[in-house]
Amino acid sequence: MGLTLDLSRINFPDDFYSTMEPQLQKAFASMASLEKGGIANPDENRMVGHYWLRNPALAPTSEIRKDIEETIQNIKGFAAQIHGGKLQGAAGTFKNLLLIGIGGSALGPQFVANALSHPIADKLAIFLFDNTDSDGMDNSLSQVRGELGRTLCIVVSKSGGTKETRNGMLEAERAFRNVGFDFGRHAVAVTSHGSELDKYAEQNHWLKRFPMWDWVGGRTSGVSAVGVLPAALQGFDVDSLLAGARAG
């Protein structure tokens, strides 16, 4: 990269590198174990592998790699169906995207949208329920109120039981019901397999369910379905987005 770091003015003792060597080797070994699927969250017996999302070839098992790659393909296929009008809302082709989540389930997609959105070029305009502020929800709904029949909703909760997200989902569901629309025809879930949200989406015949794995933390979920799905629906080049993440 053509960069250098000058440490000459830092008062390291002469034996600094030899003293730090054992600790550095321990850190390198821990990172190697982490990247190979070692349990990094002993309280919950979980791996930490969000970096596999950027480069599935690094995944410790072929099953995990396959899950990641298939999810990306499914996202792109679903977005193509939405953009091509094969899947439509109650009032026609989808025009708006309402993302319902909190914390990492909303901040990543919001960041990408703010960075890449272009009102003229975007396939779908994005709106968010990202907290429990009723005025904020009302404000988002007011912007799509006359177009709910052309609004797609993504409900994001890794655990599937996040109360704030569920409250937002119920508010959106009620808004659709009040104008006579079936919410399930406009809804997509991103959640863990078998979660409360996953079961609810299945029971109510939502359009689609995408997985969120226990080895991905909310704050590092930007290149999982949490972030890639809304990006694809907005019309962003997700292949380039993932390639950039992989190169970084």
Foldseek 3Di string as FASTA:
>chain_A
DPDDDDCPPPPDDPCNCVVCVVVVVVVVVVVVCLLLFHQPPVVVSGHAHLLCLLPVVSHNDPVSSVLSVVLLVVLLVVLCCLLVQVQFFPVGRAAAEEEFEEDLLPPLQVVCCVVDPDVVPWSHHYDYDHFQPPVSLVVRCVVCLVPLRRYAYEQEDAQQPPPGSVVSVVVNCVSQVVVPTQNLSRYEYEYAPPHVNNVVNVVSNHPYYGYDDPNYDSNSCCSGCSNLNVCVNRPHDNVVVSNVSNVD
